[in-house]
Every structure is written in C-alpha cells, then in structure tokens.
Amino acid sequence: LETLTINSTGALSTLTTLTNIAGLETLNITGSGAVDISATALGATTTTINASAATGATTILASALAATATYTGGTGNDELDLQAALASTQTLNGGDGIDTLTVDSAITTGETALVTNFEVLGVDANAGAFSQDMDFAAFDTAAILVAGGTVTFSDAADGFTINANVDLTAAQDIVVNLKTNTASDDVTINVGNIAGGVDLIGIDPDTNYETVTVNSQGTA
C-alpha cells in the first residue's frame, strides 16, 4: 500500500490500528470530520501527508517520518507529533486553524524556515531538559506535554503563553526569558488541562516582565 486516502465526515474518527502500512508513501486526509491517528505511528517511508482538503481537525503521530517528508495541514486545529527532532529536509505547513507541532528537541536556526503556520509548540522532552530559543521558532504558545528536566524558553516575545499540562518537580522549573524589554511586558502560564491535578513546583519568569499571569485550570 503506497497511498491511503481517508475521507472523514461526521463525528471524530479514531484509527487505533493501521495495518499493512509499512510501505506507505502518501497519506491524504479529506472531509469535515476530525481524524485521530495518534495510536499508530507513520513509518519512515511516508514522504507526504496532505490534509489540505480537510476541514476537520487532524491528529497524527509521525515519530518515524521520512527525512524528506512534506506535511500540509487543513483548516482545522491540527496536531502533528514528531516525537523527535525536526529533520533539515522536512517541510511542515500547519495550514489554517490553531495548529500544534510537537517535538522532543529544540528547533534550531537552520530549521526555522521549514516550519510555517503552526501556532503551538508542543514539548515532549521525556529524556531530559528542553531549551528552545524562540528566535528560531515562530510560535505564540508552548505546551509542555512531557518533561524530564527544566524547560526553558529564551527570547520569548511579549504576550507569550505557556500551557503546562504535566507534573513538574523542584528540579524541573519552567524558565522564560524575554526577547525585548519594554515598559509593559507580559507572560501567561496556564497550569493543568481540563482534568486538572497538575503539580507545578517552579516558575522562573524574566525579571523584566511587568505582568505574570498564572491560570489554574481543570477541576479542584
């Protein structure tokens, strides 16, 4: 099987098992229904993911995506989880909507132009600390999903938002440093998701911030 096209309508479609996709080269997603392919990772043979014709949200796990792969999102709030570093020959376009790109290591200066139209940087740093220079990653928001150490965002723009959806111990601070100091700078940190119950020990914002907002979300 080289090409697979999924046309989804109606409610969310969750594909928990995809078999016989070892040689899959192209995945097309169309339609108005949301599609979740996060239980089965796409393999290294997949060079094209095209969801540009999809109006529903798509969630895709691509932890072994080909080094030359091209991804195009649709008009929904799409999520692409690489669970790896970005390859210097990949091209990733989130499309319209509020789109999330999740990586396990920082985006570097040579990879900046490879990523467009993603609004949220997902952090899946199970192995240790994570440090991202936001000069190289044009995201309005970061979402900490997994952290094995301190998570640092440097050169963050005024109005940067961090969603902390994972427990962080005393050795796993959130550090955010401001790019340009002005008379009125702010950062927002949202703690917990809809389920709540997140322990957050350390938050270290830049002393140049005039306003730091911490929102506790979820249930009591």
Protein backbone atom coordinates (compact mmCIF):
# COMPACT_ATOMS: atom_id res chain seq x y z
CA LEU A 1 0.00 0.00 0.00
CA GLU A 2 1.64 3.20 -1.19
CA THR A 3 -1.24 5.72 -0.96
CA LEU A 4 -4.00 5.92 1.63
CA THR A 5 -6.84 8.44 1.46
CA ILE A 6 -9.13 8.96 4.45
CA ASN A 7 -12.35 10.90 3.86
CA SER A 8 -13.93 11.65 7.22
CA THR A 9 -17.41 13.07 7.81
CA GLY A 10 -19.48 13.47 10.94
CA ALA A 11 -18.01 12.95 14.40
CA LEU A 12 -14.41 12.18 15.37
CA SER A 13 -12.88 9.13 13.69
CA THR A 14 -10.14 7.47 15.75
CA LEU A 15 -7.97 4.95 13.93
CA THR A 16 -6.42 2.87 16.69
CA THR A 17 -4.79 0.33 14.37
CA LEU A 18 -3.38 0.75 10.88
CA THR A 19 -2.05 -2.46 9.37
CA ASN A 20 -0.06 -3.10 6.19
CA ILE A 21 1.31 0.46 6.09
CA ALA A 22 5.00 -0.46 6.24
CA GLY A 23 5.48 0.90 2.72
CA LEU A 24 3.02 3.78 2.91
CA GLU A 25 4.33 6.78 0.97
CA THR A 26 1.37 9.19 0.84
CA LEU A 27 -1.41 9.86 3.34
CA ASN A 28 -4.29 12.08 2.20
CA ILE A 29 -6.99 13.27 4.60
CA THR A 30 -10.14 14.98 3.37
CA GLY A 31 -13.60 15.83 4.69
CA SER A 32 -15.23 17.71 7.53
CA GLY A 33 -14.86 15.09 10.26
CA ALA A 34 -11.98 15.09 12.77
CA VAL A 35 -9.40 12.31 12.37
CA ASP A 36 -7.12 10.92 15.09
CA ILE A 37 -4.18 8.76 14.01
CA SER A 38 -2.09 9.01 17.17
CA ALA A 39 -2.18 5.37 18.29
CA THR A 40 -0.18 4.12 15.30
CA ALA A 41 2.92 5.96 14.10
CA LEU A 42 3.54 6.56 10.42
CA GLY A 43 6.77 4.98 9.20
CA ALA A 44 9.95 6.22 7.56
CA THR A 45 8.62 5.51 4.06
CA THR A 46 5.92 8.19 4.41
CA THR A 47 7.06 11.22 2.44
CA THR A 48 3.76 13.09 2.02
CA ILE A 49 0.97 13.89 4.48
CA ASN A 50 -1.64 16.05 2.79
CA ALA A 51 -4.61 17.22 4.85
CA SER A 52 -5.10 20.47 2.95
CA ALA A 53 -8.60 19.39 1.88
CA ALA A 54 -9.66 18.55 5.44
CA THR A 55 -11.82 20.99 7.37
CA GLY A 56 -11.98 18.84 10.48
CA ALA A 57 -9.10 18.67 12.96
CA THR A 58 -6.41 16.05 12.35
CA THR A 59 -4.10 14.44 14.93
CA ILE A 60 -1.17 12.46 13.54
CA LEU A 61 1.72 10.61 15.19
CA ALA A 62 4.73 10.58 12.87
CA SER A 63 7.61 9.56 15.08
CA ALA A 64 9.49 7.92 12.22
CA LEU A 65 8.56 10.34 9.45
CA ALA A 66 10.83 10.32 6.40
CA ALA A 67 13.64 12.86 6.46
CA THR A 68 12.35 14.37 3.20
CA ALA A 69 8.68 14.40 4.22
CA THR A 70 6.22 17.16 3.40
CA TYR A 71 3.24 17.85 5.68
CA THR A 72 0.32 20.13 4.86
CA GLY A 73 -2.46 20.73 7.36
CA GLY A 74 -6.04 21.77 6.71
CA THR A 75 -8.35 24.42 8.13
CA GLY A 76 -8.99 22.68 11.46
CA ASN A 77 -6.89 22.72 14.63
CA ASP A 78 -4.34 20.14 13.53
CA GLU A 79 -1.70 18.34 15.60
CA LEU A 80 1.48 16.76 14.24
CA ASP A 81 3.56 14.83 16.78
CA LEU A 82 7.08 14.06 15.57
CA GLN A 83 8.34 12.68 18.93
CA ALA A 84 11.75 13.51 17.50
CA ALA A 85 13.90 16.33 16.25
CA LEU A 86 12.97 18.11 13.05
CA ALA A 87 14.93 16.93 10.01
CA SER A 88 16.64 19.64 7.97
CA THR A 89 14.99 18.43 4.75
CA GLN A 90 11.40 18.23 6.01
CA THR A 91 8.77 20.85 5.13
CA LEU A 92 5.89 21.29 7.57
CA ASN A 93 2.97 23.65 6.93
CA GLY A 94 0.21 23.68 9.54
CA GLY A 95 -2.35 25.38 7.31
CA ASP A 96 -5.17 27.39 8.88
CA GLY A 97 -6.51 26.93 12.41
CA ILE A 98 -4.63 26.72 15.72
CA ASP A 99 -2.07 24.07 14.87
CA THR A 100 0.38 22.23 17.13
CA LEU A 101 3.79 20.80 16.25
CA THR A 102 5.26 18.53 18.94
CA VAL A 103 8.99 17.79 19.10
CA ASP A 104 11.36 16.25 21.64
CA SER A 105 14.30 18.58 20.98
CA ALA A 106 14.64 22.24 20.11
CA ILE A 107 14.19 23.73 16.65
CA THR A 108 17.49 25.22 15.52
CA THR A 109 18.37 28.23 13.38
CA GLY A 110 18.78 26.15 10.22
CA GLU A 111 15.31 24.64 10.64
CA THR A 112 13.32 27.84 11.17
CA ALA A 113 12.14 28.19 7.56
CA LEU A 114 10.97 24.56 7.43
CA VAL A 115 8.04 25.20 9.78
CA THR A 116 5.18 27.54 8.84
CA ASN A 117 1.64 28.20 10.06
CA PHE A 118 1.98 26.39 13.39
CA GLU A 119 0.86 28.38 16.42
CA VAL A 120 1.65 26.00 19.31
CA LEU A 121 4.99 24.32 20.05
CA GLY A 122 4.45 21.03 21.86
CA VAL A 123 7.27 19.90 24.15
CA ASP A 124 7.67 16.13 24.54
CA ALA A 125 11.04 16.04 26.30
CA ASN A 126 10.98 12.79 28.22
CA ALA A 127 14.76 12.28 28.12
CA GLY A 128 15.78 15.43 29.98
CA ALA A 129 15.87 19.22 29.93
CA PHE A 130 14.48 21.17 26.99
CA SER A 131 15.70 24.61 25.88
CA GLN A 132 14.19 26.48 22.94
CA ASP A 133 15.39 29.80 21.54
CA MET A 134 12.14 31.34 20.31
CA ASP A 135 14.07 33.34 17.71
CA PHE A 136 14.19 30.07 15.78
CA ALA A 137 10.58 29.05 16.41
CA ALA A 138 7.74 31.41 15.49
CA PHE A 139 5.13 30.16 17.94
CA ASP A 140 2.71 32.22 20.05
CA THR A 141 2.22 29.41 22.58
CA ALA A 142 4.14 26.46 24.01
CA ALA A 143 2.51 23.37 25.51
CA ILE A 144 4.61 21.27 27.90
CA LEU A 145 3.34 17.70 27.49
CA VAL A 146 6.29 15.67 28.81
CA ALA A 147 9.34 16.97 30.67
CA GLY A 148 12.36 15.15 32.05
CA GLY A 149 14.04 18.30 33.32
CA THR A 150 13.88 22.07 33.31
CA VAL A 151 12.04 23.59 30.32
CA THR A 152 13.49 26.90 29.11
CA PHE A 153 12.16 29.37 26.55
CA SER A 154 14.56 32.17 25.68
CA ASP A 155 13.97 35.25 23.50
CA ALA A 156 10.22 34.92 24.06
CA ALA A 157 8.01 37.62 22.60
CA ASP A 158 5.79 39.84 24.73
CA GLY A 159 2.46 38.07 25.32
CA PHE A 160 3.94 34.56 25.18
CA THR A 161 1.72 31.79 26.61
CA ILE A 162 2.83 28.50 28.21
CA ASN A 163 0.42 25.63 28.81
CA ALA A 164 1.84 23.31 31.48
CA ASN A 165 -0.04 20.02 31.29
CA VAL A 166 2.41 17.80 33.18
CA ASP A 167 3.68 17.49 36.74
CA LEU A 168 6.99 19.30 37.28
CA THR A 169 9.16 18.72 40.36
CA ALA A 170 11.55 21.11 42.10
CA ALA A 171 14.26 20.05 39.62
CA GLN A 172 12.02 20.80 36.62
CA ASP A 173 11.39 24.53 36.53
CA ILE A 174 9.72 26.50 33.76
CA VAL A 175 12.11 29.28 32.75
CA VAL A 176 11.01 32.01 30.34
CA ASN A 177 13.29 34.85 29.24
CA LEU A 178 12.04 37.94 27.43
CA LYS A 179 13.35 38.91 23.97
CA THR A 180 12.95 42.69 24.22
CA ASN A 181 12.32 44.65 27.40
CA THR A 182 9.61 47.31 27.07
CA ALA A 183 7.52 49.27 29.57
CA SER A 184 4.70 46.71 29.57
CA ASP A 185 5.60 43.04 29.02
CA ASP A 186 3.50 40.05 30.00
CA VAL A 187 3.58 36.27 30.01
CA THR A 188 0.75 33.83 30.77
CA ILE A 189 1.19 30.34 32.23
CA ASN A 190 -1.83 28.03 32.19
CA VAL A 191 -1.44 25.17 34.66
CA GLY A 192 -3.31 21.94 34.07
CA ASN A 193 -5.70 20.92 31.34
CA ILE A 194 -9.39 20.04 31.54
CA ALA A 195 -8.61 17.28 34.06
CA GLY A 196 -6.55 19.49 36.38
CA GLY A 197 -4.38 17.84 39.01
CA VAL A 198 -1.02 19.17 37.82
CA ASP A 199 1.77 19.86 40.34
CA LEU A 200 3.98 22.76 39.32
CA ILE A 201 6.87 23.50 41.68
CA GLY A 202 8.95 26.18 39.97
CA ILE A 203 8.15 29.07 37.63
CA ASP A 204 11.04 31.41 36.81
CA PRO A 205 9.94 34.28 34.58
CA ASP A 206 12.33 37.00 33.47
CA THR A 207 12.51 39.85 35.99
CA ASN A 208 11.77 42.28 33.14
CA TYR A 209 8.16 41.12 32.91
CA GLU A 210 5.73 43.65 34.37
CA THR A 211 2.81 41.17 34.40
CA VAL A 212 2.92 37.41 35.02
CA THR A 213 -0.45 35.65 34.91
CA VAL A 214 -0.85 32.09 36.21
CA ASN A 215 -4.16 30.40 35.48
CA SER A 216 -5.12 27.23 37.34
CA GLN A 217 -7.31 25.14 35.06
CA GLY A 218 -9.32 21.95 35.36
CA THR A 219 -11.10 20.51 38.36
CA ALA A 220 -10.25 21.04 42.01
